[in-house]
């Protein structure tokens, strides 16, 4: 459905994308996962025909994003990371405007947005600039869907949105996927990666790994420990110097410590920390998360 081969893009000396290649299947909910500045937005802008790549080729449903961009724009929906609707227009006026841009009406494709728009309809005369973050998000999604696209691109749609609205948004995406829509979403939130069919890790414009969420975590093969102590700052410094340490990163109130080999025991780690005069130390073996895998891949690259 979506084919990306060797896409590269630079802005001056900055290499935003470096030889990016991946395939996304029809009907997939695909996640592009990475921190700010990783290249997610640049790739999206190329796919939705806003930017031209410096090298490589991309196509959606057989349509080249450069050669057939006019036709392609009628088959894709795009929700940029920054709210870009008209702040001085009402909910209803924004939706009607975007429908008219694509030569359709709200009524013609209402069935696709009914589930989402029903939550906005009581406030349809409210100006977009006066909406909450969650309502802006739902309105932007409605406007991206109003022309009934075959592929939906969502660039960091839940950034800056409260936890409840984030949950509701992903539930809406799940219902859209059941209707056969292909959805490509970018996010810096690792917990959202587990909600996708497949994900691609991207960092510094390069793809680090592509797999299902379960397949991604399966790539983490080193023993992993959660460690906590009284002095977290000194604890992370000492663990990073330890001969048995592969990586050590802060995860909330714990440190996640990956070991170089499985011959090192929790007792040996505890003894090492006692020798470094750490107190109130807790150590437990844990199952790696998607975020652990991403940090490990970053460390290895």
Protein backbone atom coordinates (compact mmCIF):
# COMPACT_ATOMS: atom_id res chain seq x y z
CA UNK A 1 0.00 0.00 0.00
CA UNK A 2 2.74 2.48 1.02
CA UNK A 3 6.22 1.94 -0.36
CA UNK A 4 9.18 4.05 0.78
CA UNK A 5 12.56 3.35 -0.79
CA UNK A 6 15.78 5.16 0.02
CA UNK A 7 14.21 8.48 1.00
CA UNK A 8 16.73 11.13 2.06
CA UNK A 9 16.22 14.79 2.92
CA UNK A 10 18.60 17.47 4.20
CA UNK A 11 18.14 21.05 5.34
CA UNK A 12 21.52 22.67 4.89
CA UNK A 13 24.00 20.63 6.92
CA UNK A 14 21.23 18.84 8.82
CA UNK A 15 20.36 15.36 7.53
CA UNK A 16 16.69 15.02 8.43
CA UNK A 17 16.24 11.64 6.70
CA UNK A 18 18.94 9.18 5.68
CA UNK A 19 18.07 6.39 3.23
CA UNK A 20 14.71 5.55 4.83
CA UNK A 21 12.97 2.46 3.45
CA UNK A 22 9.85 0.69 4.70
CA UNK A 23 6.57 -0.86 3.56
CA UNK A 24 3.14 -0.29 5.12
CA UNK A 25 0.30 -2.67 4.30
CA UNK A 26 -3.28 -1.74 3.45
CA UNK A 27 -5.48 -1.61 6.56
CA UNK A 28 -2.55 -1.39 8.98
CA UNK A 29 -2.30 0.89 11.99
CA UNK A 30 1.38 1.70 11.65
CA UNK A 31 3.38 3.72 14.18
CA UNK A 32 6.47 5.83 13.51
CA UNK A 33 8.11 6.09 16.92
CA UNK A 34 10.89 8.47 17.90
CA UNK A 35 11.83 11.58 19.91
CA UNK A 36 11.54 15.18 18.73
CA UNK A 37 13.91 15.89 15.85
CA UNK A 38 14.10 12.24 14.78
CA UNK A 39 12.70 12.92 11.29
CA UNK A 40 9.06 11.88 11.74
CA UNK A 41 7.48 15.14 10.52
CA UNK A 42 9.86 15.44 7.56
CA UNK A 43 8.92 11.94 6.38
CA UNK A 44 5.21 12.69 6.81
CA UNK A 45 5.50 15.92 4.82
CA UNK A 46 7.12 14.02 1.96
CA UNK A 47 4.41 11.36 2.02
CA UNK A 48 1.59 13.92 2.00
CA UNK A 49 3.26 15.80 -0.91
CA UNK A 50 4.26 18.96 1.01
CA UNK A 51 8.02 18.40 0.73
CA UNK A 52 10.16 16.98 -2.07
CA UNK A 53 12.75 14.34 -1.15
CA UNK A 54 16.38 14.87 -2.12
CA UNK A 55 16.70 11.21 -3.06
CA UNK A 56 14.61 8.06 -3.11
CA UNK A 57 11.04 7.29 -4.06
CA UNK A 58 7.73 6.87 -2.26
CA UNK A 59 4.32 5.76 -3.49
CA UNK A 60 0.88 5.29 -1.97
CA UNK A 61 -1.41 2.75 -3.58
CA UNK A 62 0.82 2.85 -6.65
CA UNK A 63 0.76 6.65 -6.95
CA UNK A 64 4.14 8.37 -6.78
CA UNK A 65 4.18 11.17 -4.17
CA UNK A 66 6.04 13.49 -6.57
CA UNK A 67 4.78 12.59 -10.04
CA UNK A 68 1.08 12.18 -9.18
CA UNK A 69 0.75 14.47 -6.18
CA UNK A 70 -2.47 16.18 -7.33
CA UNK A 71 -4.38 12.91 -7.63
CA UNK A 72 -2.83 11.56 -4.44
CA UNK A 73 -3.98 14.48 -2.31
CA UNK A 74 -7.60 13.38 -2.79
CA UNK A 75 -6.78 9.92 -1.44
CA UNK A 76 -4.97 10.87 1.74
CA UNK A 77 -5.93 12.67 4.94
CA UNK A 78 -3.36 14.59 6.96
CA UNK A 79 -3.49 15.87 10.52
CA UNK A 80 -0.33 17.90 11.28
CA UNK A 81 1.18 18.05 14.73
CA UNK A 82 0.29 21.71 15.24
CA UNK A 83 -3.40 22.67 15.21
CA UNK A 84 -3.78 24.29 11.80
CA UNK A 85 -7.52 24.89 11.40
CA UNK A 86 -9.08 28.36 11.24
CA UNK A 87 -9.30 29.64 14.80
CA UNK A 88 -11.91 32.29 13.99
CA UNK A 89 -14.28 29.83 12.29
CA UNK A 90 -16.69 27.64 14.24
CA UNK A 91 -16.49 23.86 14.42
CA UNK A 92 -19.16 23.51 11.76
CA UNK A 93 -17.66 26.21 9.51
CA UNK A 94 -14.21 24.57 9.59
CA UNK A 95 -15.67 21.20 8.70
CA UNK A 96 -17.81 22.61 5.88
CA UNK A 97 -14.83 24.53 4.48
CA UNK A 98 -12.55 21.48 4.35
CA UNK A 99 -15.30 19.41 2.75
CA UNK A 100 -15.70 22.07 0.04
CA UNK A 101 -11.95 22.10 -0.64
CA UNK A 102 -12.24 18.46 -1.72
CA UNK A 103 -15.45 19.03 -3.65
CA UNK A 104 -17.72 17.22 -1.23
CA UNK A 105 -20.14 17.97 1.60
CA UNK A 106 -20.39 17.09 5.27
CA UNK A 107 -23.53 15.06 4.57
CA UNK A 108 -21.92 12.99 1.78
CA UNK A 109 -19.34 11.37 4.08
CA UNK A 110 -20.95 11.92 7.46
CA UNK A 111 -21.00 8.20 8.25
CA UNK A 112 -17.20 8.17 8.51
CA UNK A 113 -17.02 11.00 11.06
CA UNK A 114 -20.36 10.48 12.85
CA UNK A 115 -18.78 8.71 15.82
CA UNK A 116 -16.32 11.58 16.38
CA UNK A 117 -18.44 14.54 15.32
CA UNK A 118 -21.31 13.51 17.60
CA UNK A 119 -19.08 14.56 20.52
CA UNK A 120 -18.55 18.00 18.93
CA UNK A 121 -22.01 18.68 17.56
CA UNK A 122 -23.42 20.23 20.77
CA UNK A 123 -20.67 22.88 20.41
CA UNK A 124 -20.73 23.24 16.60
CA UNK A 125 -21.15 27.04 16.81
CA UNK A 126 -18.12 27.51 19.07
CA UNK A 127 -15.04 29.04 17.45
CA UNK A 128 -12.12 26.65 17.02
CA UNK A 129 -9.78 28.97 18.91
CA UNK A 130 -11.92 28.55 22.03
CA UNK A 131 -11.84 24.75 22.08
CA UNK A 132 -9.94 22.59 24.56
CA UNK A 133 -6.98 20.53 23.36
CA UNK A 134 -9.03 17.35 23.16
CA UNK A 135 -11.83 19.01 21.18
CA UNK A 136 -9.35 20.63 18.78
CA UNK A 137 -7.86 17.19 18.23
CA UNK A 138 -11.27 15.68 17.38
CA UNK A 139 -12.15 18.56 15.05
CA UNK A 140 -8.82 18.23 13.21
CA UNK A 141 -9.43 14.49 12.81
CA UNK A 142 -12.92 15.14 11.40
CA UNK A 143 -11.49 17.63 8.88
CA UNK A 144 -8.82 15.11 7.83
CA UNK A 145 -11.51 12.46 7.25
CA UNK A 146 -14.30 14.50 5.66
CA UNK A 147 -13.29 13.64 2.06
CA UNK A 148 -13.16 9.90 2.89
CA UNK A 149 -9.44 9.25 2.34
CA UNK A 150 -7.97 5.78 1.93
CA UNK A 151 -4.90 6.58 4.05
CA UNK A 152 -4.78 8.78 7.14
CA UNK A 153 -1.52 10.40 8.32
CA UNK A 154 -1.47 11.69 11.90
CA UNK A 155 1.65 13.55 13.01
CA UNK A 156 1.99 13.39 16.81
CA UNK A 157 -1.79 13.78 17.28
CA UNK A 158 -1.75 13.37 21.08
CA UNK A 159 1.16 15.63 21.99
CA UNK A 160 0.08 18.06 24.71
CA UNK A 161 -3.28 16.34 25.19
CA UNK A 162 -4.47 15.06 28.57
CA UNK A 163 -4.39 11.34 29.37
CA UNK A 164 -8.17 10.83 29.05
CA UNK A 165 -8.28 12.50 25.62
CA UNK A 166 -5.28 10.45 24.51
CA UNK A 167 -7.09 7.24 25.44
CA UNK A 168 -10.28 8.34 23.67
CA UNK A 169 -8.31 9.28 20.57
CA UNK A 170 -6.68 5.87 20.26
CA UNK A 171 -10.06 4.20 20.75
CA UNK A 172 -11.33 6.28 17.81
CA UNK A 173 -8.38 5.15 15.70
CA UNK A 174 -9.18 1.54 16.53
CA UNK A 175 -12.74 2.00 15.27
CA UNK A 176 -11.50 3.69 12.07
CA UNK A 177 -9.10 0.81 11.46
CA UNK A 178 -12.00 -1.64 11.64
CA UNK A 179 -13.56 0.24 8.74
CA UNK A 180 -10.53 -0.66 6.60
CA UNK A 181 -8.71 2.66 6.78
CA UNK A 182 -4.91 2.58 6.61
CA UNK A 183 -3.54 4.74 9.44
CA UNK A 184 0.02 5.97 9.87
CA UNK A 185 0.66 7.77 13.14
CA UNK A 186 3.83 9.28 14.57
CA UNK A 187 4.39 9.69 18.29
CA UNK A 188 7.17 10.24 20.83
CA UNK A 189 5.15 8.27 23.42
CA UNK A 190 6.44 4.73 23.75
CA UNK A 191 3.27 3.52 25.51
CA UNK A 192 1.29 4.33 22.33
CA UNK A 193 3.55 2.09 20.26
CA UNK A 194 1.94 -1.01 21.78
CA UNK A 195 -1.42 0.07 20.30
CA UNK A 196 -0.13 -0.24 16.70
CA UNK A 197 -0.06 -3.32 14.47
CA UNK A 198 3.55 -2.62 13.56
CA UNK A 199 6.02 0.10 14.46
CA UNK A 200 9.24 1.61 13.14
CA UNK A 201 11.80 3.19 15.42
CA UNK A 202 13.39 6.31 13.92
CA UNK A 203 16.29 8.34 15.30
CA UNK A 204 18.54 10.90 13.60
CA UNK A 205 16.69 10.33 10.34
CA UNK A 206 17.41 6.60 10.27
CA UNK A 207 15.17 3.58 10.82
CA UNK A 208 16.50 1.49 13.70
CA UNK A 209 13.97 -1.37 13.60
CA UNK A 210 10.60 -2.36 12.10
CA UNK A 211 8.40 -5.03 13.63
CA UNK A 212 5.29 -5.72 15.67
CA UNK A 213 5.41 -4.34 19.24
CA UNK A 214 5.96 -7.90 20.48
CA UNK A 215 8.66 -8.50 17.87
CA UNK A 216 10.40 -5.28 18.85
CA UNK A 217 10.63 -6.19 22.54
CA UNK A 218 11.83 -9.65 21.50
CA UNK A 219 14.98 -7.99 20.16
CA UNK A 220 15.99 -7.13 23.73
CA UNK A 221 17.99 -10.20 24.78
CA UNK A 222 20.17 -8.97 27.64
CA UNK A 223 19.21 -9.46 31.32
CA UNK A 224 17.36 -6.39 32.65
CA UNK A 225 17.10 -5.19 36.25
CA UNK A 226 15.14 -2.40 37.91
CA UNK A 227 17.29 -0.75 40.57
CA UNK A 228 16.36 1.86 43.15
CA UNK A 229 18.36 3.51 45.93
CA UNK A 230 18.43 6.50 48.24
CA UNK A 231 20.75 8.63 46.07
CA UNK A 232 19.57 8.17 42.47
CA UNK A 233 22.10 10.51 40.89
CA UNK A 234 25.12 8.80 42.47
CA UNK A 235 23.52 5.42 41.84
CA UNK A 236 23.31 5.92 38.07
CA UNK A 237 26.89 7.22 37.94
CA UNK A 238 28.25 4.19 39.80
CA UNK A 239 26.20 1.68 37.82
CA UNK A 240 27.35 3.15 34.52
CA UNK A 241 30.96 2.63 35.67
CA UNK A 242 30.34 -0.98 36.76
CA UNK A 243 32.14 -3.69 34.71
CA UNK A 244 28.92 -5.72 34.31
CA UNK A 245 26.82 -2.82 32.93
CA UNK A 246 25.71 -2.66 29.33
CA UNK A 247 23.34 0.34 29.68
CA UNK A 248 21.71 2.20 32.56
CA UNK A 249 18.89 4.72 32.18
CA UNK A 250 16.39 6.40 34.47
CA UNK A 251 12.78 5.18 34.21
CA UNK A 252 10.68 7.05 36.76
CA UNK A 253 11.84 6.27 40.29
CA UNK A 254 13.84 3.25 39.11
CA UNK A 255 16.94 2.78 36.98
CA UNK A 256 16.77 0.16 34.26
CA UNK A 257 20.07 -1.69 34.19
CA UNK A 258 20.90 -4.06 31.32
CA UNK A 259 23.75 -6.49 31.97
CA UNK A 260 26.46 -7.54 29.53
CA UNK A 261 25.95 -11.24 30.30
CA UNK A 262 23.48 -13.47 32.12
CA UNK A 263 26.27 -14.73 34.40
CA UNK A 264 25.92 -11.67 36.65
CA UNK A 265 23.40 -12.17 39.47
CA UNK A 266 21.25 -9.68 41.36
CA UNK A 267 23.31 -10.52 44.45
CA UNK A 268 26.52 -9.48 42.69
CA UNK A 269 24.98 -6.15 41.68
CA UNK A 270 23.79 -5.64 45.27
CA UNK A 271 27.26 -6.41 46.63
CA UNK A 272 28.85 -3.94 44.21
CA UNK A 273 26.47 -1.19 45.35
CA UNK A 274 27.10 -1.98 49.01
CA UNK A 275 30.81 -1.57 48.37
CA UNK A 276 30.00 1.84 46.86
CA UNK A 277 28.14 2.63 50.12
CA UNK A 278 24.65 2.88 48.63
CA UNK A 279 21.73 2.44 51.01
CA UNK A 280 18.06 1.37 50.70
CA UNK A 281 18.88 -0.51 47.53
CA UNK A 282 16.12 -2.50 45.77
CA UNK A 283 16.84 -4.77 42.81
CA UNK A 284 14.41 -6.86 40.77
CA UNK A 285 14.45 -8.63 37.44
CA UNK A 286 12.00 -7.13 34.92
CA UNK A 287 10.63 -7.74 31.42
CA UNK A 288 11.89 -5.21 28.84
CA UNK A 289 9.43 -2.66 27.45
CA UNK A 290 9.32 -1.01 24.02
CA UNK A 291 11.13 1.98 25.51
CA UNK A 292 13.90 -0.26 26.87
CA UNK A 293 14.36 -1.71 23.39
CA UNK A 294 14.47 1.73 21.79
CA UNK A 295 17.10 2.94 24.25
CA UNK A 296 19.14 -0.22 23.61
CA UNK A 297 18.98 0.25 19.84
CA UNK A 298 19.99 3.90 20.21
CA UNK A 299 22.96 2.85 22.33
CA UNK A 300 24.03 0.27 19.74
CA UNK A 301 23.68 2.56 16.72
